[in-house]
Amino acid sequence: MEREQRLLALDTAIARGMADSETGRVEELATVRAELRKQFAS
């Protein structure tokens, strides 16, 4: 049962990411990397 729930959550996350990508809601990797480095440097 737990495995099925985890797979469902994964499928949902993938679908959400694909939908974001298809509608142009994406960020450049360099931008995201810089933001994460700044966030975790604090």
Foldseek 3Di string as FASTA:
>chain_A
DVVVVVVVVVVVVVVVVVVCVVVVVDDDPVVVVVVVCVVVVD
